[in-house]
Protein backbone atom coordinates (compact mmCIF):
# COMPACT_ATOMS: atom_id res chain seq x y z
CA MET A 1 0.00 0.00 0.00
CA LYS A 2 1.44 3.34 -1.09
CA ILE A 3 0.40 6.06 1.32
CA PHE A 4 2.30 8.91 -0.34
CA ARG A 5 1.29 8.35 -3.96
CA ALA A 6 0.26 11.21 -6.21
CA ARG A 7 -3.46 11.86 -6.42
CA THR A 8 -5.58 14.15 -8.57
CA PHE A 9 -8.75 15.65 -7.12
CA GLN A 10 -11.70 17.28 -8.84
CA TRP A 11 -12.54 20.89 -7.95
CA TRP A 12 -15.57 19.83 -5.90
CA GLN A 13 -13.49 17.32 -3.91
CA VAL A 14 -11.02 20.07 -3.02
CA SER A 15 -13.97 22.23 -1.95
CA LEU A 16 -15.16 19.46 0.37
CA ILE A 17 -11.68 19.13 1.87
CA LYS A 18 -11.56 22.89 2.48
CA ILE A 19 -15.01 22.87 4.11
CA CYS A 20 -13.94 19.93 6.29
CA LEU A 21 -10.75 21.70 7.43
CA LEU A 22 -12.59 24.97 8.02
CA SER A 23 -15.12 23.12 10.18
CA LEU A 24 -12.31 21.43 12.09
CA GLY A 25 -10.66 24.79 12.71
CA ILE A 26 -13.89 26.28 14.01
CA LEU A 27 -14.45 23.29 16.30
CA PHE A 28 -10.91 23.53 17.69
CA GLY A 29 -11.35 27.27 18.14
CA LEU A 30 -14.53 26.75 20.14
CA TYR A 31 -13.09 23.94 22.21
CA PHE A 32 -9.76 25.66 23.01
CA TYR A 33 -11.13 29.22 23.13
CA ASP A 34 -9.51 30.22 26.43
CA TYR A 35 -6.06 29.11 25.28
CA LEU A 36 -6.30 30.52 21.75
CA ILE A 37 -7.59 33.96 22.76
CA GLY A 38 -4.31 34.54 24.58
CA LEU A 39 -2.50 34.02 21.28
CA LEU A 40 -4.64 36.45 19.30
CA TRP A 41 -1.61 38.58 18.44
CA LEU A 42 0.00 35.54 16.78
CA TRP A 43 -3.03 34.87 14.58
CA TRP A 44 -3.05 38.50 13.42
CA ILE A 45 0.66 38.35 12.57
CA LEU A 46 0.17 35.12 10.60
CA PHE A 47 -2.81 36.62 8.77
CA VAL A 48 -1.01 39.84 7.83
CA ALA A 49 2.15 37.99 6.77
CA THR A 50 0.26 35.64 4.45
CA VAL A 51 -1.81 38.48 2.98
CA ILE A 52 1.36 40.47 2.22
CA TYR A 53 2.99 37.37 0.68
CA PHE A 54 0.04 36.70 -1.63
CA ILE A 55 -0.31 40.36 -2.61
CA PHE A 56 3.33 40.41 -3.72
CA TYR A 57 2.90 37.04 -5.42
CA LEU A 58 -0.15 38.20 -7.38
CA ILE A 59 1.32 41.53 -8.52
CA GLN A 60 4.67 40.03 -9.44
CA GLU A 61 5.17 39.93 -13.18
CA LYS A 62 6.68 36.77 -14.56
CA ASP A 63 8.83 36.66 -17.63
CA THR A 64 7.41 34.27 -20.17
CA LEU A 65 10.11 33.47 -22.70
């Protein structure tokens, strides 16, 4: 059995995976609320850093030769 084989998913399967992970994140956030609220500054830093990264990635022009 090959656990780490390459797989191809349809767009709707990827959507289901994203919904599943979003739901898991919400459940963890509700369950560990008291612990996670103390780290709110960390979540904001991660959010801002990833937004800045993707903004630069999207506006970057690539040379197509």
